[in-house]
Amino acid sequence: MEDFFIISRVNIDTTWNISDLHDDYNAMEYADQILDIPEEHIEHITFSSEGLEITLSDMASEDMGYDNDWYLQLRRISNYAIAS
């Protein structure tokens, strides 16, 4: 199962230049450094006209879920959908 998030441009940390996030490497760095998402859970990340799109996988893992600060923060600042 996967979770899909879109962080709109207005919710991107202002210390980052949005144009830098068009590069997948920089988008991954943002997810790691600012959002604290463990890299092993990021299946796909890209920046689009809607914002930063992140797909997480391995949702059954013990470090995923509602008791983790990074996951709760991500849910709070993004539009969220779950894929079945």
PDB file of N, CA and C in Angstrom:
ATOM      1  N   MET A   1       0.847  -1.174   0.000  1.00  0.00           N
ATOM      2  CA  MET A   1       0.000   0.000   0.000  1.00  0.00           C
ATOM      3  C   MET A   1       0.898   1.245   0.000  1.00  0.00           C
ATOM      4  N   GLU A   2       0.409   2.316  -0.615  1.00  0.00           N
ATOM      5  CA  GLU A   2       1.152   3.562  -0.741  1.00  0.00           C
ATOM      6  C   GLU A   2       0.330   4.725  -0.209  1.00  0.00           C
ATOM      7  N   ASP A   3       1.028   5.737   0.255  1.00  0.00           N
ATOM      8  CA  ASP A   3       0.403   7.002   0.617  1.00  0.00           C
ATOM      9  C   ASP A   3       0.946   8.064  -0.333  1.00  0.00           C
ATOM     10  N   PHE A   4       0.077   8.960  -0.756  1.00  0.00           N
ATOM     11  CA  PHE A   4       0.432   9.995  -1.714  1.00  0.00           C
ATOM     12  C   PHE A   4       0.144  11.354  -1.090  1.00  0.00           C
ATOM     13  N   PHE A   5       1.128  12.247  -1.156  1.00  0.00           N
ATOM     14  CA  PHE A   5       1.016  13.577  -0.558  1.00  0.00           C
ATOM     15  C   PHE A   5       1.370  14.641  -1.584  1.00  0.00           C
ATOM     16  N   ILE A   6       0.667  15.756  -1.535  1.00  0.00           N
ATOM     17  CA  ILE A   6       1.042  16.937  -2.314  1.00  0.00           C
ATOM     18  C   ILE A   6       1.174  18.100  -1.333  1.00  0.00           C
ATOM     19  N   ILE A   7       2.379  18.637  -1.269  1.00  0.00           N
ATOM     20  CA  ILE A   7       2.623  19.816  -0.444  1.00  0.00           C
ATOM     21  C   ILE A   7       2.559  21.024  -1.373  1.00  0.00           C
ATOM     22  N   SER A   8       1.565  21.861  -1.171  1.00  0.00           N
ATOM     23  CA  SER A   8       1.394  23.010  -2.057  1.00  0.00           C
ATOM     24  C   SER A   8       2.556  23.977  -1.914  1.00  0.00           C
ATOM     25  N   ARG A   9       2.728  24.809  -2.917  1.00  0.00           N
ATOM     26  CA  ARG A   9       3.830  25.777  -2.929  1.00  0.00           C
ATOM     27  C   ARG A   9       3.817  26.681  -1.703  1.00  0.00           C
ATOM     28  N   VAL A  10       2.651  27.019  -1.204  1.00  0.00           N
ATOM     29  CA  VAL A  10       2.570  27.918  -0.045  1.00  0.00           C
ATOM     30  C   VAL A  10       3.040  27.256   1.238  1.00  0.00           C
ATOM     31  N   ASN A  11       3.105  25.932   1.265  1.00  0.00           N
ATOM     32  CA  ASN A  11       3.556  25.211   2.450  1.00  0.00           C
ATOM     33  C   ASN A  11       5.014  24.767   2.378  1.00  0.00           C
ATOM     34  N   ILE A  12       5.703  25.131   1.304  1.00  0.00           N
ATOM     35  CA  ILE A  12       7.126  24.813   1.180  1.00  0.00           C
ATOM     36  C   ILE A  12       7.907  25.746   2.099  1.00  0.00           C
ATOM     37  N   ASP A  13       8.855  25.205   2.833  1.00  0.00           N
ATOM     38  CA  ASP A  13       9.698  25.985   3.740  1.00  0.00           C
ATOM     39  C   ASP A  13      10.364  27.120   2.956  1.00  0.00           C
ATOM     40  N   THR A  14      10.261  28.336   3.448  1.00  0.00           N
ATOM     41  CA  THR A  14      10.760  29.510   2.723  1.00  0.00           C
ATOM     42  C   THR A  14      12.277  29.607   2.691  1.00  0.00           C
ATOM     43  N   THR A  15      12.971  28.763   3.448  1.00  0.00           N
ATOM     44  CA  THR A  15      14.436  28.774   3.384  1.00  0.00           C
ATOM     45  C   THR A  15      14.934  28.070   2.123  1.00  0.00           C
ATOM     46  N   TRP A  16      14.042  27.412   1.404  1.00  0.00           N
ATOM     47  CA  TRP A  16      14.396  26.721   0.153  1.00  0.00           C
ATOM     48  C   TRP A  16      13.862  27.504  -1.028  1.00  0.00           C
ATOM     49  N   ASN A  17      14.635  27.545  -2.081  1.00  0.00           N
ATOM     50  CA  ASN A  17      14.212  28.161  -3.325  1.00  0.00           C
ATOM     51  C   ASN A  17      13.348  27.148  -4.080  1.00  0.00           C
ATOM     52  N   ILE A  18      12.116  27.492  -4.340  1.00  0.00           N
ATOM     53  CA  ILE A  18      11.187  26.561  -4.987  1.00  0.00           C
ATOM     54  C   ILE A  18      11.730  26.059  -6.318  1.00  0.00           C
ATOM     55  N   SER A  19      12.411  26.900  -7.056  1.00  0.00           N
ATOM     56  CA  SER A  19      12.936  26.455  -8.354  1.00  0.00           C
ATOM     57  C   SER A  19      13.964  25.333  -8.193  1.00  0.00           C
ATOM     58  N   ASP A  20      14.632  25.257  -7.049  1.00  0.00           N
ATOM     59  CA  ASP A  20      15.583  24.163  -6.802  1.00  0.00           C
ATOM     60  C   ASP A  20      14.881  22.819  -6.674  1.00  0.00           C
ATOM     61  N   LEU A  21      13.628  22.819  -6.270  1.00  0.00           N
ATOM     62  CA  LEU A  21      12.908  21.575  -6.042  1.00  0.00           C
ATOM     63  C   LEU A  21      12.493  20.876  -7.342  1.00  0.00           C
ATOM     64  N   HIS A  22      12.665  21.542  -8.473  1.00  0.00           N
ATOM     65  CA  HIS A  22      12.371  20.895  -9.756  1.00  0.00           C
ATOM     66  C   HIS A  22      13.375  19.790 -10.044  1.00  0.00           C
ATOM     67  N   ASP A  23      14.523  19.856  -9.412  1.00  0.00           N
ATOM     68  CA  ASP A  23      15.537  18.813  -9.541  1.00  0.00           C
ATOM     69  C   ASP A  23      15.206  17.713  -8.524  1.00  0.00           C
ATOM     70  N   ASP A  24      15.116  16.454  -8.996  1.00  0.00           N
ATOM     71  CA  ASP A  24      14.726  15.356  -8.111  1.00  0.00           C
ATOM     72  C   ASP A  24      15.679  15.179  -6.932  1.00  0.00           C
ATOM     73  N   TYR A  25      16.968  15.398  -7.162  1.00  0.00           N
ATOM     74  CA  TYR A  25      17.940  15.275  -6.072  1.00  0.00           C
ATOM     75  C   TYR A  25      17.636  16.299  -4.972  1.00  0.00           C
ATOM     76  N   ASN A  26      17.386  17.544  -5.364  1.00  0.00           N
ATOM     77  CA  ASN A  26      17.069  18.586  -4.386  1.00  0.00           C
ATOM     78  C   ASN A  26      15.739  18.317  -3.689  1.00  0.00           C
ATOM     79  N   ALA A  27      14.776  17.790  -4.426  1.00  0.00           N
ATOM     80  CA  ALA A  27      13.491  17.447  -3.818  1.00  0.00           C
ATOM     81  C   ALA A  27      13.685  16.368  -2.754  1.00  0.00           C
ATOM     82  N   MET A  28      14.551  15.390  -3.039  1.00  0.00           N
ATOM     83  CA  MET A  28      14.840  14.339  -2.062  1.00  0.00           C
ATOM     84  C   MET A  28      15.560  14.923  -0.849  1.00  0.00           C
ATOM     85  N   GLU A  29      16.481  15.843  -1.078  1.00  0.00           N
ATOM     86  CA  GLU A  29      17.181  16.502   0.024  1.00  0.00           C
ATOM     87  C   GLU A  29      16.193  17.281   0.907  1.00  0.00           C
ATOM     88  N   TYR A  30      15.241  17.952   0.290  1.00  0.00           N
ATOM     89  CA  TYR A  30      14.223  18.682   1.036  1.00  0.00           C
ATOM     90  C   TYR A  30      13.417  17.713   1.912  1.00  0.00           C
ATOM     91  N   ALA A  31      13.008  16.599   1.320  1.00  0.00           N
ATOM     92  CA  ALA A  31      12.232  15.609   2.066  1.00  0.00           C
ATOM     93  C   ALA A  31      13.026  15.062   3.243  1.00  0.00           C
ATOM     94  N   ASP A  32      14.310  14.858   3.038  1.00  0.00           N
ATOM     95  CA  ASP A  32      15.172  14.316   4.087  1.00  0.00           C
ATOM     96  C   ASP A  32      15.492  15.368   5.148  1.00  0.00           C
ATOM     97  N   GLN A  33      15.942  16.535   4.737  1.00  0.00           N
ATOM     98  CA  GLN A  33      16.428  17.547   5.678  1.00  0.00           C
ATOM     99  C   GLN A  33      15.317  18.346   6.366  1.00  0.00           C
ATOM    100  N   ILE A  34      14.311  18.725   5.620  1.00  0.00           N
ATOM    101  CA  ILE A  34      13.260  19.581   6.174  1.00  0.00           C
ATOM    102  C   ILE A  34      12.097  18.764   6.730  1.00  0.00           C
ATOM    103  N   LEU A  35      11.679  17.740   5.983  1.00  0.00           N
ATOM    104  CA  LEU A  35      10.512  16.956   6.399  1.00  0.00           C
ATOM    105  C   LEU A  35      10.868  15.735   7.239  1.00  0.00           C
ATOM    106  N   ASP A  36      12.141  15.383   7.295  1.00  0.00           N
ATOM    107  CA  ASP A  36      12.626  14.236   8.078  1.00  0.00           C
ATOM    108  C   ASP A  36      12.032  12.897   7.651  1.00  0.00           C
ATOM    109  N   ILE A  37      11.687  12.779   6.384  1.00  0.00           N
ATOM    110  CA  ILE A  37      11.150  11.516   5.884  1.00  0.00           C
ATOM    111  C   ILE A  37      12.307  10.552   5.644  1.00  0.00           C
ATOM    112  N   PRO A  38      12.260   9.349   6.228  1.00  0.00           N
ATOM    113  CA  PRO A  38      13.309   8.366   5.942  1.00  0.00           C
ATOM    114  C   PRO A  38      13.329   8.015   4.453  1.00  0.00           C
ATOM    115  N   GLU A  39      14.494   8.116   3.849  1.00  0.00           N
ATOM    116  CA  GLU A  39      14.613   7.915   2.398  1.00  0.00           C
ATOM    117  C   GLU A  39      14.084   6.562   1.939  1.00  0.00           C
ATOM    118  N   GLU A  40      14.219   5.548   2.766  1.00  0.00           N
ATOM    119  CA  GLU A  40      13.781   4.214   2.347  1.00  0.00           C
ATOM    120  C   GLU A  40      12.274   4.116   2.145  1.00  0.00           C
ATOM    121  N   HIS A  41      11.517   5.097   2.630  1.00  0.00           N
ATOM    122  CA  HIS A  41      10.063   5.088   2.460  1.00  0.00           C
ATOM    123  C   HIS A  41       9.596   5.920   1.264  1.00  0.00           C
ATOM    124  N   ILE A  42      10.498   6.672   0.670  1.00  0.00           N
ATOM    125  CA  ILE A  42      10.107   7.507  -0.470  1.00  0.00           C
ATOM    126  C   ILE A  42      10.206   6.683  -1.747  1.00  0.00           C
ATOM    127  N   GLU A  43       9.050   6.398  -2.309  1.00  0.00           N
ATOM    128  CA  GLU A  43       9.019   5.646  -3.562  1.00  0.00           C
ATOM    129  C   GLU A  43       9.217   6.574  -4.753  1.00  0.00           C
ATOM    130  N   HIS A  44       8.614   7.756  -4.663  1.00  0.00           N
ATOM    131  CA  HIS A  44       8.712   8.713  -5.766  1.00  0.00           C
ATOM    132  C   HIS A  44       8.553  10.117  -5.200  1.00  0.00           C
ATOM    133  N   ILE A  45       9.315  11.044  -5.772  1.00  0.00           N
ATOM    134  CA  ILE A  45       9.187  12.451  -5.386  1.00  0.00           C
ATOM    135  C   ILE A  45       9.440  13.304  -6.617  1.00  0.00           C
ATOM    136  N   THR A  46       8.599  14.300  -6.799  1.00  0.00           N
ATOM    137  CA  THR A  46       8.757  15.215  -7.927  1.00  0.00           C
ATOM    138  C   THR A  46       8.079  16.531  -7.582  1.00  0.00           C
ATOM    139  N   PHE A  47       8.483  17.575  -8.270  1.00  0.00           N
ATOM    140  CA  PHE A  47       7.865  18.884  -8.085  1.00  0.00           C
ATOM    141  C   PHE A  47       7.066  19.205  -9.337  1.00  0.00           C
ATOM    142  N   SER A  48       5.805  19.561  -9.155  1.00  0.00           N
ATOM    143  CA  SER A  48       4.929  19.869 -10.287  1.00  0.00           C
ATOM    144  C   SER A  48       4.270  21.227 -10.071  1.00  0.00           C
ATOM    145  N   SER A  49       3.375  21.568 -10.960  1.00  0.00           N
ATOM    146  CA  SER A  49       2.660  22.837 -10.829  1.00  0.00           C
ATOM    147  C   SER A  49       1.797  22.871  -9.566  1.00  0.00           C
ATOM    148  N   GLU A  50       1.429  21.700  -9.055  1.00  0.00           N
ATOM    149  CA  GLU A  50       0.626  21.633  -7.837  1.00  0.00           C
ATOM    150  C   GLU A  50       1.458  21.749  -6.575  1.00  0.00           C
ATOM    151  N   GLY A  51       2.738  21.419  -6.671  1.00  0.00           N
ATOM    152  CA  GLY A  51       3.620  21.455  -5.509  1.00  0.00           C
ATOM    153  C   GLY A  51       4.513  20.236  -5.478  1.00  0.00           C
ATOM    154  N   LEU A  52       5.022  19.919  -4.310  1.00  0.00           N
ATOM    155  CA  LEU A  52       5.904  18.777  -4.128  1.00  0.00           C
ATOM    156  C   LEU A  52       5.059  17.529  -3.947  1.00  0.00           C
ATOM    157  N   GLU A  53       5.202  16.581  -4.860  1.00  0.00           N
ATOM    158  CA  GLU A  53       4.434  15.339  -4.822  1.00  0.00           C
ATOM    159  C   GLU A  53       5.322  14.226  -4.285  1.00  0.00           C
ATOM    160  N   ILE A  54       4.851  13.577  -3.233  1.00  0.00           N
ATOM    161  CA  ILE A  54       5.624  12.525  -2.578  1.00  0.00           C
ATOM    162  C   ILE A  54       4.766  11.271  -2.472  1.00  0.00           C
ATOM    163  N   THR A  55       5.316  10.153  -2.930  1.00  0.00           N
ATOM    164  CA  THR A  55       4.664   8.864  -2.757  1.00  0.00           C
ATOM    165  C   THR A  55       5.515   8.044  -1.798  1.00  0.00           C
ATOM    166  N   LEU A  56       4.895   7.600  -0.713  1.00  0.00           N
ATOM    167  CA  LEU A  56       5.581   6.775   0.276  1.00  0.00           C
ATOM    168  C   LEU A  56       5.123   5.332   0.131  1.00  0.00           C
ATOM    169  N   SER A  57       6.044   4.409   0.350  1.00  0.00           N
ATOM    170  CA  SER A  57       5.698   2.994   0.307  1.00  0.00           C
ATOM    171  C   SER A  57       6.136   2.330   1.598  1.00  0.00           C
ATOM    172  N   ASP A  58       5.889   1.032   1.698  1.00  0.00           N
ATOM    173  CA  ASP A  58       6.226   0.251   2.889  1.00  0.00           C
ATOM    174  C   ASP A  58       5.493   0.805   4.107  1.00  0.00           C
ATOM    175  N   MET A  59       4.205   1.050   3.924  1.00  0.00           N
ATOM    176  CA  MET A  59       3.414   1.667   4.978  1.00  0.00           C
ATOM    177  C   MET A  59       3.194   0.764   6.189  1.00  0.00           C
ATOM    178  N   ALA A  60       3.469  -0.524   6.057  1.00  0.00           N
ATOM    179  CA  ALA A  60       3.299  -1.440   7.182  1.00  0.00           C
ATOM    180  C   ALA A  60       4.486  -1.400   8.142  1.00  0.00           C
ATOM    181  N   SER A  61       5.540  -0.734   7.758  1.00  0.00           N
ATOM    182  CA  SER A  61       6.745  -0.657   8.580  1.00  0.00           C
ATOM    183  C   SER A  61       6.430  -0.003   9.923  1.00  0.00           C
ATOM    184  N   GLU A  62       7.180  -0.394  10.962  1.00  0.00           N
ATOM    185  CA  GLU A  62       6.920   0.129  12.298  1.00  0.00           C
ATOM    186  C   GLU A  62       7.249   1.610  12.456  1.00  0.00           C
ATOM    187  N   ASP A  63       8.089   2.171  11.576  1.00  0.00           N
ATOM    188  CA  ASP A  63       8.399   3.598  11.717  1.00  0.00           C
ATOM    189  C   ASP A  63       7.473   4.479  10.883  1.00  0.00           C
ATOM    190  N   MET A  64       6.407   3.897  10.382  1.00  0.00           N
ATOM    191  CA  MET A  64       5.382   4.657   9.678  1.00  0.00           C
ATOM    192  C   MET A  64       4.152   4.706  10.574  1.00  0.00           C
ATOM    193  N   GLY A  65       3.450   5.792  10.525  1.00  0.00           N
ATOM    194  CA  GLY A  65       2.185   5.840  11.238  1.00  0.00           C
ATOM    195  C   GLY A  65       1.990   7.070  12.085  1.00  0.00           C
ATOM    196  N   TYR A  66       0.915   7.039  12.799  1.00  0.00           N
ATOM    197  CA  TYR A  66       0.432   8.210  13.502  1.00  0.00           C
ATOM    198  C   TYR A  66       1.233   8.575  14.746  1.00  0.00           C
ATOM    199  N   ASP A  67       2.154   7.722  15.176  1.00  0.00           N
ATOM    200  CA  ASP A  67       2.938   8.044  16.360  1.00  0.00           C
ATOM    201  C   ASP A  67       4.313   8.615  16.013  1.00  0.00           C
ATOM    202  N   ASN A  68       4.533   8.950  14.754  1.00  0.00           N
ATOM    203  CA  ASN A  68       5.805   9.524  14.325  1.00  0.00           C
ATOM    204  C   ASN A  68       5.616  10.981  13.928  1.00  0.00           C
ATOM    205  N   ASP A  69       6.453  11.843  14.502  1.00  0.00           N
ATOM    206  CA  ASP A  69       6.327  13.279  14.266  1.00  0.00           C
ATOM    207  C   ASP A  69       6.415  13.641  12.797  1.00  0.00           C
ATOM    208  N   TRP A  70       7.355  13.056  12.059  1.00  0.00           N
ATOM    209  CA  TRP A  70       7.539  13.426  10.657  1.00  0.00           C
ATOM    210  C   TRP A  70       6.305  13.061   9.835  1.00  0.00           C
ATOM    211  N   TYR A  71       5.680  11.937  10.153  1.00  0.00           N
ATOM    212  CA  TYR A  71       4.498  11.508   9.405  1.00  0.00           C
ATOM    213  C   TYR A  71       3.308  12.413   9.721  1.00  0.00           C
ATOM    214  N   LEU A  72       3.140  12.732  10.986  1.00  0.00           N
ATOM    215  CA  LEU A  72       2.049  13.630  11.378  1.00  0.00           C
ATOM    216  C   LEU A  72       2.218  15.012  10.756  1.00  0.00           C
ATOM    217  N   GLN A  73       3.452  15.512  10.751  1.00  0.00           N
ATOM    218  CA  GLN A  73       3.731  16.814  10.144  1.00  0.00           C
ATOM    219  C   GLN A  73       3.420  16.785   8.643  1.00  0.00           C
ATOM    220  N   LEU A  74       3.833  15.718   7.988  1.00  0.00           N
ATOM    221  CA  LEU A  74       3.564  15.585   6.562  1.00  0.00           C
ATOM    222  C   LEU A  74       2.064  15.563   6.281  1.00  0.00           C
ATOM    223  N   ARG A  75       1.318  14.840   7.070  1.00  0.00           N
ATOM    224  CA  ARG A  75      -0.141  14.808   6.907  1.00  0.00           C
ATOM    225  C   ARG A  75      -0.752  16.189   7.139  1.00  0.00           C
ATOM    226  N   ARG A  76      -0.191  16.927   8.085  1.00  0.00           N
ATOM    227  CA  ARG A  76      -0.737  18.248   8.435  1.00  0.00           C
ATOM    228  C   ARG A  76      -0.533  19.280   7.332  1.00  0.00           C
ATOM    229  N   ILE A  77       0.628  19.252   6.672  1.00  0.00           N
ATOM    230  CA  ILE A  77       0.950  20.316   5.709  1.00  0.00           C
ATOM    231  C   ILE A  77       0.624  19.946   4.259  1.00  0.00           C
ATOM    232  N   SER A  78       0.048  18.777   4.041  1.00  0.00           N
ATOM    233  CA  SER A  78      -0.152  18.330   2.667  1.00  0.00           C
ATOM    234  C   SER A  78      -1.590  17.920   2.411  1.00  0.00           C
ATOM    235  N   ASN A  79      -1.884  17.746   1.130  1.00  0.00           N
ATOM    236  CA  ASN A  79      -3.095  17.040   0.728  1.00  0.00           C
ATOM    237  C   ASN A  79      -2.701  15.571   0.691  1.00  0.00           C
ATOM    238  N   TYR A  80      -3.536  14.722   1.203  1.00  0.00           N
ATOM    239  CA  TYR A  80      -3.174  13.325   1.425  1.00  0.00           C
ATOM    240  C   TYR A  80      -4.170  12.395   0.774  1.00  0.00           C
ATOM    241  N   ALA A  81      -3.662  11.304   0.208  1.00  0.00           N
ATOM    242  CA  ALA A  81      -4.520  10.242  -0.323  1.00  0.00           C
ATOM    243  C   ALA A  81      -3.840   8.908  -0.073  1.00  0.00           C
ATOM    244  N   ILE A  82      -4.625   7.888   0.121  1.00  0.00           N
ATOM    245  CA  ILE A  82      -4.079   6.546   0.303  1.00  0.00           C
ATOM    246  C   ILE A  82      -4.485   5.696  -0.889  1.00  0.00           C
ATOM    247  N   ALA A  83      -3.548   4.933  -1.377  1.00  0.00           N
ATOM    248  CA  ALA A  83      -3.826   4.034  -2.510  1.00  0.00           C
ATOM    249  C   ALA A  83      -4.067   2.647  -1.958  1.00  0.00           C
ATOM    250  N   SER A  84      -5.045   1.975  -2.502  1.00  0.00           N
ATOM    251  CA  SER A  84      -5.315   0.615  -2.025  1.00  0.00           C
ATOM    252  C   SER A  84      -4.907  -0.430  -3.030  1.00  0.00           C
TER     253      SER A  84
END
